[in-house]
Amino acid sequence: MTNFIPIFPLSIVVFPGEELNLHIFEPRYKQLINDCYAEHRAFGIPTMIGSEVMEFGTLVSVSDIKEVYDDGKMDIRTSAGNVFRVLEVIKELPDKLYSGAIVTYPENVIDINPDASRKVLIALKELHRLLKITKEFKKQDGELVSYDMAHHVGLNMEEEFELLQLMREDQRMEYLKRHLAKVLPIIREMESLKERIKLNGHFRELKGLGFE
């Protein structure tokens, strides 16, 4: 299915199911948000890397306009839906400051594999333990999918964008598993290094080799 949507390119990756808070200050995007909110219409956030608008993004709906300031700037809450692929960017729209795009929605398999999810979650919790980070998810452990965990495993934006382009849950879980398998040994070694540095200069009880 193809569709026309207004677009709001940003240097972020938005995953389906994500709740995103935005501060809107540019005139073109103030107009976009006002139009979409009044018409109960979704808009797209295609990822920008550098100055380039990438081919994939996520459809987003305005769930609430939290505050409107005297100068028209606003704080909004949004919720993310389907992943889309950009077929054509339409830079100029009649009587509009913002741009749009013709997009299609690739088939996206989000079946939960409890065993794969559990393994990734165990590794993720180990990462957070080592980094002394506390993260609370809004779902039960058995309900978590790759999109719920993706922002919390330490991916850079290019890696998050690679994940966004994967259209099967087993592929996404495998991507997260491999990433965590790569970074966990590095973090463990850093923790070991920190402990060795802490010991330097302190009195230590060392047992030497005893000769008979």
N, C-alpha and C. Protein backbone atom coordinates (compact mmCIF):
# COMPACT_ATOMS: atom_id res chain seq x y z
N MET A 1 0.85 -1.19 0.00
CA MET A 1 0.00 0.00 0.00
C MET A 1 0.89 1.25 0.00
N THR A 2 0.58 2.20 -0.87
CA THR A 2 1.29 3.48 -0.90
C THR A 2 0.39 4.56 -0.33
N ASN A 3 1.02 5.62 0.16
CA ASN A 3 0.27 6.66 0.84
C ASN A 3 1.08 7.94 0.82
N PHE A 4 0.39 9.07 0.86
CA PHE A 4 1.07 10.37 1.02
C PHE A 4 1.00 10.76 2.50
N ILE A 5 2.14 11.20 3.04
CA ILE A 5 2.17 11.68 4.43
C ILE A 5 3.01 12.95 4.52
N PRO A 6 2.67 13.86 5.44
CA PRO A 6 3.58 14.94 5.77
C PRO A 6 4.80 14.35 6.47
N ILE A 7 5.96 14.97 6.31
CA ILE A 7 7.16 14.42 6.95
C ILE A 7 7.88 15.47 7.80
N PHE A 8 8.51 14.97 8.84
CA PHE A 8 9.25 15.77 9.81
C PHE A 8 10.60 15.06 10.00
N PRO A 9 11.56 15.25 9.07
CA PRO A 9 12.84 14.54 9.18
C PRO A 9 13.59 14.97 10.45
N LEU A 10 14.13 13.98 11.16
CA LEU A 10 14.88 14.24 12.39
C LEU A 10 16.09 13.32 12.46
N SER A 11 17.10 13.76 13.17
CA SER A 11 18.33 12.97 13.34
C SER A 11 18.16 11.97 14.48
N ILE A 12 17.12 11.19 14.40
CA ILE A 12 16.84 10.14 15.38
C ILE A 12 16.22 8.95 14.65
N VAL A 13 16.21 7.80 15.33
CA VAL A 13 15.48 6.64 14.84
C VAL A 13 14.32 6.41 15.80
N VAL A 14 13.12 6.35 15.28
CA VAL A 14 11.92 6.11 16.09
C VAL A 14 11.44 4.69 15.80
N PHE A 15 11.21 3.91 16.86
CA PHE A 15 10.77 2.53 16.69
C PHE A 15 9.28 2.40 16.94
N PRO A 16 8.61 1.49 16.23
CA PRO A 16 7.18 1.25 16.47
C PRO A 16 6.90 0.98 17.95
N GLY A 17 5.81 1.58 18.43
CA GLY A 17 5.44 1.43 19.83
C GLY A 17 6.07 2.45 20.76
N GLU A 18 7.01 3.22 20.26
CA GLU A 18 7.71 4.20 21.08
C GLU A 18 6.83 5.41 21.35
N GLU A 19 6.92 5.95 22.55
CA GLU A 19 6.28 7.22 22.88
C GLU A 19 7.36 8.30 22.92
N LEU A 20 7.18 9.30 22.10
CA LEU A 20 8.22 10.30 21.89
C LEU A 20 7.70 11.69 22.23
N ASN A 21 8.43 12.42 23.07
CA ASN A 21 8.11 13.81 23.39
C ASN A 21 8.95 14.73 22.51
N LEU A 22 8.31 15.73 21.92
CA LEU A 22 9.01 16.65 21.02
C LEU A 22 8.71 18.10 21.40
N HIS A 23 9.72 18.95 21.27
CA HIS A 23 9.54 20.40 21.40
C HIS A 23 9.56 20.99 20.00
N ILE A 24 8.47 21.59 19.59
CA ILE A 24 8.31 22.09 18.22
C ILE A 24 8.51 23.60 18.21
N PHE A 25 9.46 24.06 17.39
CA PHE A 25 9.74 25.50 17.39
C PHE A 25 9.86 26.10 15.98
N GLU A 26 10.18 25.28 14.97
CA GLU A 26 10.28 25.83 13.61
C GLU A 26 8.88 26.10 13.04
N PRO A 27 8.69 27.22 12.35
CA PRO A 27 7.35 27.55 11.81
C PRO A 27 6.75 26.44 10.95
N ARG A 28 7.55 25.80 10.09
CA ARG A 28 7.00 24.77 9.21
C ARG A 28 6.49 23.57 9.99
N TYR A 29 7.16 23.25 11.09
CA TYR A 29 6.73 22.08 11.86
C TYR A 29 5.64 22.42 12.86
N LYS A 30 5.57 23.69 13.27
CA LYS A 30 4.41 24.12 14.04
C LYS A 30 3.16 23.99 13.18
N GLN A 31 3.28 24.38 11.90
CA GLN A 31 2.15 24.24 10.99
C GLN A 31 1.80 22.77 10.78
N LEU A 32 2.80 21.94 10.61
CA LEU A 32 2.57 20.51 10.40
C LEU A 32 1.82 19.89 11.58
N ILE A 33 2.28 20.19 12.78
CA ILE A 33 1.65 19.60 13.97
C ILE A 33 0.22 20.10 14.12
N ASN A 34 0.01 21.38 13.92
CA ASN A 34 -1.34 21.93 14.03
C ASN A 34 -2.28 21.29 13.00
N ASP A 35 -1.79 21.12 11.76
CA ASP A 35 -2.60 20.48 10.72
C ASP A 35 -2.93 19.04 11.09
N CYS A 36 -1.92 18.30 11.48
CA CYS A 36 -2.12 16.87 11.78
C CYS A 36 -3.03 16.68 12.99
N TYR A 37 -2.86 17.52 14.00
CA TYR A 37 -3.67 17.39 15.21
C TYR A 37 -5.14 17.72 14.91
N ALA A 38 -5.35 18.78 14.10
CA ALA A 38 -6.72 19.19 13.77
C ALA A 38 -7.41 18.15 12.89
N GLU A 39 -6.64 17.51 12.02
CA GLU A 39 -7.21 16.56 11.07
C GLU A 39 -7.11 15.11 11.54
N HIS A 40 -6.60 14.90 12.76
CA HIS A 40 -6.40 13.54 13.29
C HIS A 40 -5.59 12.70 12.30
N ARG A 41 -4.51 13.28 11.86
CA ARG A 41 -3.70 12.66 10.81
C ARG A 41 -2.29 12.39 11.34
N ALA A 42 -1.71 11.29 10.92
CA ALA A 42 -0.35 10.95 11.32
C ALA A 42 0.65 11.63 10.38
N PHE A 43 1.90 11.73 10.84
CA PHE A 43 2.97 12.23 10.00
C PHE A 43 4.16 11.28 10.12
N GLY A 44 5.12 11.45 9.22
CA GLY A 44 6.26 10.55 9.21
C GLY A 44 7.52 11.20 9.73
N ILE A 45 8.32 10.43 10.47
CA ILE A 45 9.65 10.87 10.88
C ILE A 45 10.67 9.99 10.17
N PRO A 46 11.13 10.41 8.98
CA PRO A 46 12.23 9.69 8.35
C PRO A 46 13.53 10.08 9.04
N THR A 47 14.40 9.11 9.21
CA THR A 47 15.67 9.37 9.87
C THR A 47 16.59 10.20 8.98
N MET A 48 17.25 11.18 9.59
CA MET A 48 18.30 11.94 8.92
C MET A 48 19.65 11.51 9.48
N ILE A 49 20.56 11.19 8.58
CA ILE A 49 21.94 10.90 8.98
C ILE A 49 22.82 11.91 8.27
N GLY A 50 23.48 12.75 9.04
CA GLY A 50 24.14 13.91 8.46
C GLY A 50 23.08 14.85 7.96
N SER A 51 23.18 15.24 6.71
CA SER A 51 22.16 16.12 6.11
C SER A 51 21.27 15.35 5.14
N GLU A 52 21.38 14.04 5.15
CA GLU A 52 20.63 13.22 4.19
C GLU A 52 19.39 12.61 4.84
N VAL A 53 18.25 12.76 4.16
CA VAL A 53 17.02 12.11 4.59
C VAL A 53 17.06 10.67 4.08
N MET A 54 16.99 9.73 5.02
CA MET A 54 17.15 8.33 4.66
C MET A 54 15.85 7.75 4.11
N GLU A 55 15.94 6.52 3.65
CA GLU A 55 14.84 5.89 2.92
C GLU A 55 13.75 5.35 3.84
N PHE A 56 14.09 5.11 5.10
CA PHE A 56 13.14 4.52 6.04
C PHE A 56 12.82 5.48 7.18
N GLY A 57 11.63 5.32 7.73
CA GLY A 57 11.21 6.11 8.88
C GLY A 57 10.02 5.45 9.55
N THR A 58 9.40 6.18 10.46
CA THR A 58 8.30 5.63 11.24
C THR A 58 7.13 6.61 11.27
N LEU A 59 5.94 6.07 11.11
CA LEU A 59 4.72 6.88 11.17
C LEU A 59 4.43 7.23 12.63
N VAL A 60 4.05 8.47 12.88
CA VAL A 60 3.86 8.96 14.24
C VAL A 60 2.54 9.72 14.33
N SER A 61 1.81 9.52 15.43
CA SER A 61 0.56 10.25 15.67
C SER A 61 0.72 11.15 16.88
N VAL A 62 0.11 12.32 16.82
CA VAL A 62 0.13 13.25 17.96
C VAL A 62 -0.90 12.76 18.97
N SER A 63 -0.45 12.37 20.14
CA SER A 63 -1.37 11.91 21.18
C SER A 63 -1.81 13.04 22.09
N ASP A 64 -0.97 14.09 22.21
CA ASP A 64 -1.35 15.19 23.09
C ASP A 64 -0.47 16.40 22.81
N ILE A 65 -1.07 17.58 22.77
CA ILE A 65 -0.29 18.82 22.77
C ILE A 65 -0.22 19.26 24.22
N LYS A 66 0.94 19.04 24.81
CA LYS A 66 1.10 19.23 26.25
C LYS A 66 1.07 20.71 26.63
N GLU A 67 1.75 21.54 25.84
CA GLU A 67 1.80 22.97 26.16
C GLU A 67 2.05 23.78 24.90
N VAL A 68 1.38 24.91 24.77
CA VAL A 68 1.60 25.85 23.68
C VAL A 68 2.08 27.16 24.29
N TYR A 69 3.21 27.66 23.82
CA TYR A 69 3.80 28.88 24.36
C TYR A 69 3.28 30.11 23.61
N ASP A 70 3.56 31.28 24.16
CA ASP A 70 3.05 32.53 23.57
C ASP A 70 3.52 32.73 22.14
N ASP A 71 4.71 32.24 21.83
CA ASP A 71 5.25 32.44 20.48
C ASP A 71 4.86 31.30 19.52
N GLY A 72 3.98 30.40 19.97
CA GLY A 72 3.52 29.31 19.12
C GLY A 72 4.31 28.03 19.22
N LYS A 73 5.45 28.09 19.91
CA LYS A 73 6.20 26.85 20.14
C LYS A 73 5.35 25.92 21.00
N MET A 74 5.61 24.63 20.90
CA MET A 74 4.77 23.69 21.64
C MET A 74 5.55 22.45 22.06
N ASP A 75 5.09 21.85 23.12
CA ASP A 75 5.57 20.55 23.57
C ASP A 75 4.48 19.53 23.28
N ILE A 76 4.84 18.46 22.58
CA ILE A 76 3.84 17.47 22.20
C ILE A 76 4.27 16.07 22.61
N ARG A 77 3.28 15.21 22.75
CA ARG A 77 3.53 13.79 22.97
C ARG A 77 3.06 13.03 21.73
N THR A 78 3.85 12.08 21.30
CA THR A 78 3.50 11.31 20.12
C THR A 78 3.65 9.82 20.40
N SER A 79 2.98 9.02 19.58
CA SER A 79 3.14 7.57 19.65
C SER A 79 3.45 7.06 18.25
N ALA A 80 4.38 6.12 18.17
CA ALA A 80 4.88 5.65 16.88
C ALA A 80 4.15 4.39 16.42
N GLY A 81 3.91 4.34 15.12
CA GLY A 81 3.23 3.19 14.52
C GLY A 81 4.11 2.44 13.55
N ASN A 82 3.67 2.34 12.30
CA ASN A 82 4.34 1.48 11.31
C ASN A 82 5.63 2.08 10.76
N VAL A 83 6.51 1.19 10.36
CA VAL A 83 7.70 1.58 9.61
C VAL A 83 7.30 1.82 8.15
N PHE A 84 7.82 2.88 7.56
CA PHE A 84 7.55 3.14 6.14
C PHE A 84 8.86 3.25 5.36
N ARG A 85 8.71 3.11 4.06
CA ARG A 85 9.83 3.31 3.14
C ARG A 85 9.47 4.45 2.20
N VAL A 86 10.36 5.40 2.05
CA VAL A 86 10.11 6.58 1.21
C VAL A 86 10.32 6.22 -0.25
N LEU A 87 9.30 6.46 -1.05
CA LEU A 87 9.40 6.27 -2.50
C LEU A 87 9.78 7.58 -3.20
N GLU A 88 9.22 8.67 -2.70
CA GLU A 88 9.50 9.98 -3.30
C GLU A 88 9.25 11.08 -2.28
N VAL A 89 10.19 12.00 -2.17
CA VAL A 89 10.02 13.18 -1.31
C VAL A 89 9.42 14.30 -2.14
N ILE A 90 8.37 14.93 -1.63
CA ILE A 90 7.75 16.08 -2.28
C ILE A 90 8.08 17.31 -1.44
N LYS A 91 9.06 18.07 -1.91
CA LYS A 91 9.62 19.14 -1.08
C LYS A 91 8.66 20.31 -0.91
N GLU A 92 7.84 20.60 -1.93
CA GLU A 92 6.94 21.75 -1.85
C GLU A 92 5.50 21.29 -1.99
N LEU A 93 4.67 21.72 -1.03
CA LEU A 93 3.25 21.42 -1.05
C LEU A 93 2.47 22.72 -1.14
N PRO A 94 1.35 22.74 -1.85
CA PRO A 94 0.57 23.98 -1.98
C PRO A 94 0.16 24.55 -0.62
N ASP A 95 0.49 25.79 -0.37
CA ASP A 95 0.09 26.53 0.84
C ASP A 95 0.65 25.92 2.12
N LYS A 96 1.71 25.13 2.01
CA LYS A 96 2.30 24.52 3.21
C LYS A 96 3.79 24.87 3.30
N LEU A 97 4.26 25.01 4.52
CA LEU A 97 5.68 25.26 4.74
C LEU A 97 6.49 23.97 4.81
N TYR A 98 5.82 22.87 5.15
CA TYR A 98 6.51 21.60 5.34
C TYR A 98 6.46 20.76 4.07
N SER A 99 7.23 19.67 4.08
CA SER A 99 7.30 18.77 2.93
C SER A 99 6.49 17.51 3.20
N GLY A 100 6.40 16.67 2.17
CA GLY A 100 5.69 15.39 2.30
C GLY A 100 6.42 14.31 1.54
N ALA A 101 5.86 13.12 1.58
CA ALA A 101 6.49 12.01 0.87
C ALA A 101 5.44 10.98 0.48
N ILE A 102 5.70 10.33 -0.63
CA ILE A 102 4.94 9.14 -1.01
C ILE A 102 5.67 7.95 -0.39
N VAL A 103 4.97 7.16 0.38
CA VAL A 103 5.62 6.07 1.11
C VAL A 103 4.86 4.76 0.91
N THR A 104 5.55 3.68 1.20
CA THR A 104 4.93 2.37 1.25
C THR A 104 5.27 1.74 2.59
N TYR A 105 4.46 0.77 3.01
CA TYR A 105 4.64 0.15 4.32
C TYR A 105 5.03 -1.31 4.13
N PRO A 106 6.31 -1.64 4.30
CA PRO A 106 6.74 -3.03 4.12
C PRO A 106 6.07 -3.95 5.14
N GLU A 107 5.84 -5.18 4.75
CA GLU A 107 5.30 -6.16 5.69
C GLU A 107 6.29 -6.36 6.83
N ASN A 108 5.80 -6.27 8.04
CA ASN A 108 6.69 -6.31 9.22
C ASN A 108 6.20 -7.40 10.17
N VAL A 109 7.03 -8.41 10.37
CA VAL A 109 6.68 -9.54 11.24
C VAL A 109 7.16 -9.23 12.65
N ILE A 110 6.22 -9.20 13.62
CA ILE A 110 6.57 -8.87 15.00
C ILE A 110 6.17 -9.99 15.95
N ASP A 111 6.21 -11.23 15.47
CA ASP A 111 5.89 -12.37 16.33
C ASP A 111 6.93 -12.49 17.45
N ILE A 112 6.48 -12.69 18.67
CA ILE A 112 7.38 -12.81 19.82
C ILE A 112 7.91 -14.23 19.91
N ASN A 113 9.23 -14.36 19.99
CA ASN A 113 9.89 -15.63 20.28
C ASN A 113 10.37 -15.55 21.72
N PRO A 114 9.64 -16.16 22.67
CA PRO A 114 9.97 -15.99 24.09
C PRO A 114 11.40 -16.37 24.44
N ASP A 115 11.93 -17.43 23.82
CA ASP A 115 13.28 -17.87 24.14
C ASP A 115 14.32 -16.85 23.66
N ALA A 116 14.16 -16.35 22.43
CA ALA A 116 15.10 -15.36 21.90
C ALA A 116 15.01 -14.06 22.70
N SER A 117 13.79 -13.65 23.02
CA SER A 117 13.59 -12.43 23.80
C SER A 117 14.23 -12.56 25.18
N ARG A 118 14.08 -13.73 25.81
CA ARG A 118 14.63 -13.95 27.15
C ARG A 118 16.16 -13.85 27.13
N LYS A 119 16.80 -14.44 26.12
CA LYS A 119 18.26 -14.41 26.04
C LYS A 119 18.79 -12.99 25.85
N VAL A 120 18.13 -12.24 24.98
CA VAL A 120 18.55 -10.85 24.77
C VAL A 120 18.32 -10.03 26.03
N LEU A 121 17.20 -10.25 26.70
CA LEU A 121 16.90 -9.50 27.92
C LEU A 121 17.90 -9.80 29.03
N ILE A 122 18.32 -11.05 29.17
CA ILE A 122 19.33 -11.41 30.18
C ILE A 122 20.63 -10.66 29.90
N ALA A 123 21.05 -10.64 28.65
CA ALA A 123 22.28 -9.93 28.28
C ALA A 123 22.12 -8.42 28.50
N LEU A 124 20.94 -7.89 28.18
CA LEU A 124 20.69 -6.46 28.37
C LEU A 124 20.75 -6.08 29.84
N LYS A 125 20.14 -6.90 30.70
CA LYS A 125 20.18 -6.62 32.14
C LYS A 125 21.60 -6.71 32.69
N GLU A 126 22.40 -7.62 32.14
CA GLU A 126 23.80 -7.71 32.55
C GLU A 126 24.56 -6.45 32.16
N LEU A 127 24.28 -5.93 30.95
CA LEU A 127 24.90 -4.68 30.51
C LEU A 127 24.54 -3.54 31.46
N HIS A 128 23.26 -3.43 31.80
CA HIS A 128 22.82 -2.36 32.69
C HIS A 128 23.41 -2.52 34.09
N ARG A 129 23.57 -3.77 34.54
CA ARG A 129 24.17 -4.01 35.86
C ARG A 129 25.62 -3.52 35.88
N LEU A 130 26.36 -3.85 34.83
CA LEU A 130 27.76 -3.44 34.75
C LEU A 130 27.90 -1.92 34.67
N LEU A 131 26.96 -1.29 33.97
CA LEU A 131 27.00 0.17 33.81
C LEU A 131 26.31 0.92 34.95
N LYS A 132 25.73 0.13 35.90
CA LYS A 132 25.01 0.71 37.03
C LYS A 132 23.86 1.61 36.55
N ILE A 133 23.10 1.07 35.59
CA ILE A 133 21.95 1.76 35.02
C ILE A 133 20.69 0.99 35.40
N THR A 134 19.64 1.74 35.73
CA THR A 134 18.35 1.11 36.02
C THR A 134 17.35 1.52 34.95
N LYS A 135 16.75 0.53 34.28
CA LYS A 135 15.75 0.78 33.26
C LYS A 135 14.49 0.01 33.60
N GLU A 136 13.36 0.69 33.56
CA GLU A 136 12.08 0.04 33.80
C GLU A 136 11.29 0.01 32.49
N PHE A 137 10.85 -1.17 32.09
CA PHE A 137 10.04 -1.30 30.88
C PHE A 137 8.56 -1.30 31.27
N LYS A 138 7.74 -0.83 30.34
CA LYS A 138 6.30 -0.72 30.61
C LYS A 138 5.56 -2.03 30.37
N LYS A 139 6.28 -3.04 29.90
CA LYS A 139 5.69 -4.34 29.64
C LYS A 139 6.33 -5.39 30.54
N GLN A 140 5.64 -6.52 30.66
CA GLN A 140 6.24 -7.66 31.33
C GLN A 140 7.36 -8.22 30.46
N ASP A 141 8.33 -8.90 31.10
CA ASP A 141 9.48 -9.41 30.36
C ASP A 141 9.08 -10.25 29.17
N GLY A 142 8.09 -11.11 29.34
CA GLY A 142 7.68 -12.01 28.26
C GLY A 142 6.96 -11.33 27.12
N GLU A 143 6.61 -10.06 27.28
CA GLU A 143 5.90 -9.31 26.24
C GLU A 143 6.82 -8.40 25.44
N LEU A 144 8.08 -8.31 25.84
CA LEU A 144 9.00 -7.38 25.19
C LEU A 144 9.40 -7.87 23.80
N VAL A 145 9.42 -6.94 22.86
CA VAL A 145 9.93 -7.23 21.52
C VAL A 145 11.19 -6.40 21.29
N SER A 146 11.82 -6.64 20.16
CA SER A 146 13.10 -5.98 19.87
C SER A 146 12.98 -4.45 19.93
N TYR A 147 11.86 -3.92 19.44
CA TYR A 147 11.69 -2.46 19.43
C TYR A 147 11.69 -1.88 20.85
N ASP A 148 11.20 -2.65 21.83
CA ASP A 148 11.16 -2.16 23.21
C ASP A 148 12.55 -2.04 23.80
N MET A 149 13.48 -2.86 23.33
CA MET A 149 14.82 -2.91 23.92
C MET A 149 15.87 -2.14 23.11
N ALA A 150 15.54 -1.78 21.87
CA ALA A 150 16.54 -1.30 20.93
C ALA A 150 17.27 -0.03 21.38
N HIS A 151 16.55 0.89 22.03
CA HIS A 151 17.19 2.13 22.48
C HIS A 151 18.04 1.93 23.74
N HIS A 152 18.03 0.75 24.32
CA HIS A 152 18.65 0.53 25.62
C HIS A 152 19.87 -0.37 25.59
N VAL A 153 20.35 -0.72 24.39
CA VAL A 153 21.48 -1.64 24.30
C VAL A 153 22.77 -0.94 23.87
N GLY A 154 22.72 0.38 23.66
CA GLY A 154 23.93 1.13 23.32
C GLY A 154 24.25 1.18 21.84
N LEU A 155 23.25 1.01 20.98
CA LEU A 155 23.46 1.16 19.54
C LEU A 155 23.69 2.63 19.19
N ASN A 156 24.57 2.89 18.22
CA ASN A 156 24.64 4.26 17.71
C ASN A 156 23.52 4.45 16.69
N MET A 157 23.38 5.67 16.16
CA MET A 157 22.23 5.95 15.31
C MET A 157 22.26 5.14 14.01
N GLU A 158 23.46 4.95 13.44
CA GLU A 158 23.56 4.17 12.21
C GLU A 158 23.12 2.72 12.46
N GLU A 159 23.48 2.18 13.63
CA GLU A 159 23.08 0.82 13.97
C GLU A 159 21.58 0.74 14.23
N GLU A 160 21.03 1.74 14.90
CA GLU A 160 19.59 1.76 15.10
C GLU A 160 18.86 1.82 13.76
N PHE A 161 19.40 2.57 12.82
CA PHE A 161 18.78 2.65 11.51
C PHE A 161 18.85 1.32 10.78
N GLU A 162 19.97 0.61 10.92
CA GLU A 162 20.07 -0.74 10.34
C GLU A 162 18.98 -1.64 10.92
N LEU A 163 18.78 -1.54 12.23
CA LEU A 163 17.75 -2.36 12.87
C LEU A 163 16.36 -2.01 12.35
N LEU A 164 16.10 -0.72 12.14
CA LEU A 164 14.80 -0.27 11.66
C LEU A 164 14.46 -0.89 10.30
N GLN A 165 15.47 -1.16 9.51
CA GLN A 165 15.25 -1.69 8.17
C GLN A 165 14.98 -3.19 8.15
N LEU A 166 15.19 -3.86 9.28
CA LEU A 166 14.93 -5.30 9.36
C LEU A 166 13.45 -5.53 9.60
N MET A 167 12.84 -6.34 8.76
CA MET A 167 11.39 -6.48 8.79
C MET A 167 10.90 -7.80 9.40
N ARG A 168 11.80 -8.48 10.10
CA ARG A 168 11.40 -9.70 10.81
C ARG A 168 11.93 -9.66 12.23
N GLU A 169 11.11 -10.08 13.17
CA GLU A 169 11.48 -10.01 14.58
C GLU A 169 12.69 -10.90 14.89
N ASP A 170 12.79 -12.07 14.26
CA ASP A 170 13.94 -12.92 14.54
C ASP A 170 15.24 -12.28 14.07
N GLN A 171 15.19 -11.54 12.95
CA GLN A 171 16.38 -10.83 12.49
C GLN A 171 16.77 -9.72 13.46
N ARG A 172 15.77 -9.00 13.96
CA ARG A 172 16.07 -7.91 14.89
C ARG A 172 16.64 -8.44 16.20
N MET A 173 16.06 -9.52 16.72
CA MET A 173 16.58 -10.11 17.96
C MET A 173 18.01 -10.61 17.78
N GLU A 174 18.28 -11.21 16.63
CA GLU A 174 19.63 -11.69 16.35
C GLU A 174 20.61 -10.51 16.28
N TYR A 175 20.18 -9.40 15.71
CA TYR A 175 21.01 -8.20 15.64
C TYR A 175 21.35 -7.70 17.05
N LEU A 176 20.34 -7.64 17.91
CA LEU A 176 20.57 -7.19 19.28
C LEU A 176 21.48 -8.16 20.04
N LYS A 177 21.24 -9.46 19.84
CA LYS A 177 22.05 -10.48 20.53
C LYS A 177 23.52 -10.36 20.14
N ARG A 178 23.78 -10.18 18.85
CA ARG A 178 25.17 -10.07 18.39
C ARG A 178 25.83 -8.79 18.91
N HIS A 179 25.05 -7.71 18.95
CA HIS A 179 25.61 -6.46 19.47
C HIS A 179 25.98 -6.61 20.94
N LEU A 180 25.10 -7.19 21.72
CA LEU A 180 25.39 -7.37 23.15
C LEU A 180 26.55 -8.34 23.36
N ALA A 181 26.64 -9.37 22.55
CA ALA A 181 27.76 -10.32 22.66
C ALA A 181 29.09 -9.62 22.35
N LYS A 182 29.03 -8.57 21.54
CA LYS A 182 30.24 -7.82 21.20
C LYS A 182 30.63 -6.83 22.30
N VAL A 183 29.64 -6.13 22.87
CA VAL A 183 29.97 -5.06 23.81
C VAL A 183 30.16 -5.55 25.25
N LEU A 184 29.50 -6.63 25.63
CA LEU A 184 29.61 -7.09 27.02
C LEU A 184 31.04 -7.42 27.43
N PRO A 185 31.82 -8.16 26.62
CA PRO A 185 33.21 -8.41 27.03
C PRO A 185 34.03 -7.13 27.18
N ILE A 186 33.74 -6.13 26.36
CA ILE A 186 34.46 -4.86 26.46
C ILE A 186 34.13 -4.17 27.78
N ILE A 187 32.83 -4.16 28.13
CA ILE A 187 32.42 -3.51 29.38
C ILE A 187 32.98 -4.26 30.58
N ARG A 188 32.98 -5.60 30.52
CA ARG A 188 33.54 -6.39 31.63
C ARG A 188 35.02 -6.09 31.81
N GLU A 189 35.75 -5.96 30.70
CA GLU A 189 37.18 -5.65 30.78
C GLU A 189 37.40 -4.25 31.34
N MET A 190 36.53 -3.32 30.99
CA MET A 190 36.63 -1.96 31.56
C MET A 190 36.41 -1.99 33.06
N GLU A 191 35.44 -2.79 33.52
CA GLU A 191 35.20 -2.91 34.96
C GLU A 191 36.40 -3.52 35.65
N SER A 192 37.00 -4.53 35.04
CA SER A 192 38.19 -5.15 35.60
C SER A 192 39.34 -4.15 35.67
N LEU A 193 39.47 -3.33 34.61
CA LEU A 193 40.51 -2.31 34.58
C LEU A 193 40.29 -1.29 35.69
N LYS A 194 39.06 -0.88 35.90
CA LYS A 194 38.74 0.08 36.97
C LYS A 194 39.15 -0.48 38.32
N GLU A 195 38.87 -1.78 38.56
CA GLU A 195 39.23 -2.38 39.83
C GLU A 195 40.74 -2.45 40.02
N ARG A 196 41.46 -2.74 38.93
CA ARG A 196 42.92 -2.78 39.02
C ARG A 196 43.49 -1.41 39.32
N ILE A 197 42.90 -0.38 38.71
CA ILE A 197 43.36 0.99 38.97
C ILE A 197 43.09 1.39 40.41
N LYS A 198 41.94 0.99 40.94
CA LYS A 198 41.60 1.30 42.33
C LYS A 198 42.60 0.69 43.30
N LEU A 199 43.10 -0.50 42.98
CA LEU A 199 44.03 -1.18 43.86
C LEU A 199 45.41 -0.53 43.88
N ASN A 200 45.74 0.15 42.81
CA ASN A 200 47.08 0.73 42.69
C ASN A 200 47.33 1.75 43.81
N GLY A 201 48.40 1.54 44.60
CA GLY A 201 48.75 2.47 45.67
C GLY A 201 48.14 2.12 47.01
N HIS A 202 47.27 1.10 47.05
CA HIS A 202 46.67 0.71 48.31
C HIS A 202 47.44 -0.46 48.92
N PHE A 203 47.38 -0.59 50.24
CA PHE A 203 47.99 -1.72 50.91
C PHE A 203 47.22 -2.98 50.58
N ARG A 204 47.92 -3.98 50.15
CA ARG A 204 47.29 -5.25 49.81
C ARG A 204 47.99 -6.38 50.54
N GLU A 205 47.21 -7.33 50.94
CA GLU A 205 47.77 -8.50 51.60
C GLU A 205 48.05 -9.56 50.54
N LEU A 206 49.33 -9.77 50.25
CA LEU A 206 49.73 -10.69 49.21
C LEU A 206 50.43 -11.88 49.83
N LYS A 207 50.09 -13.03 49.39
CA LYS A 207 50.69 -14.25 49.92
C LYS A 207 51.77 -14.71 48.97
N GLY A 208 53.00 -14.78 49.48
CA GLY A 208 54.12 -15.21 48.65
C GLY A 208 54.29 -16.72 48.64
N LEU A 209 55.14 -17.19 47.81
CA LEU A 209 55.43 -18.60 47.71
C LEU A 209 56.32 -19.02 48.89
N GLY A 210 55.92 -20.01 49.62
CA GLY A 210 56.73 -20.48 50.76
C GLY A 210 57.61 -21.62 50.37
N PHE A 211 58.92 -21.51 50.68
CA PHE A 211 59.88 -22.57 50.38
C PHE A 211 60.13 -23.37 51.64
N GLU A 212 60.19 -24.66 51.53
CA GLU A 212 60.47 -25.53 52.68
C GLU A 212 61.98 -25.62 52.86
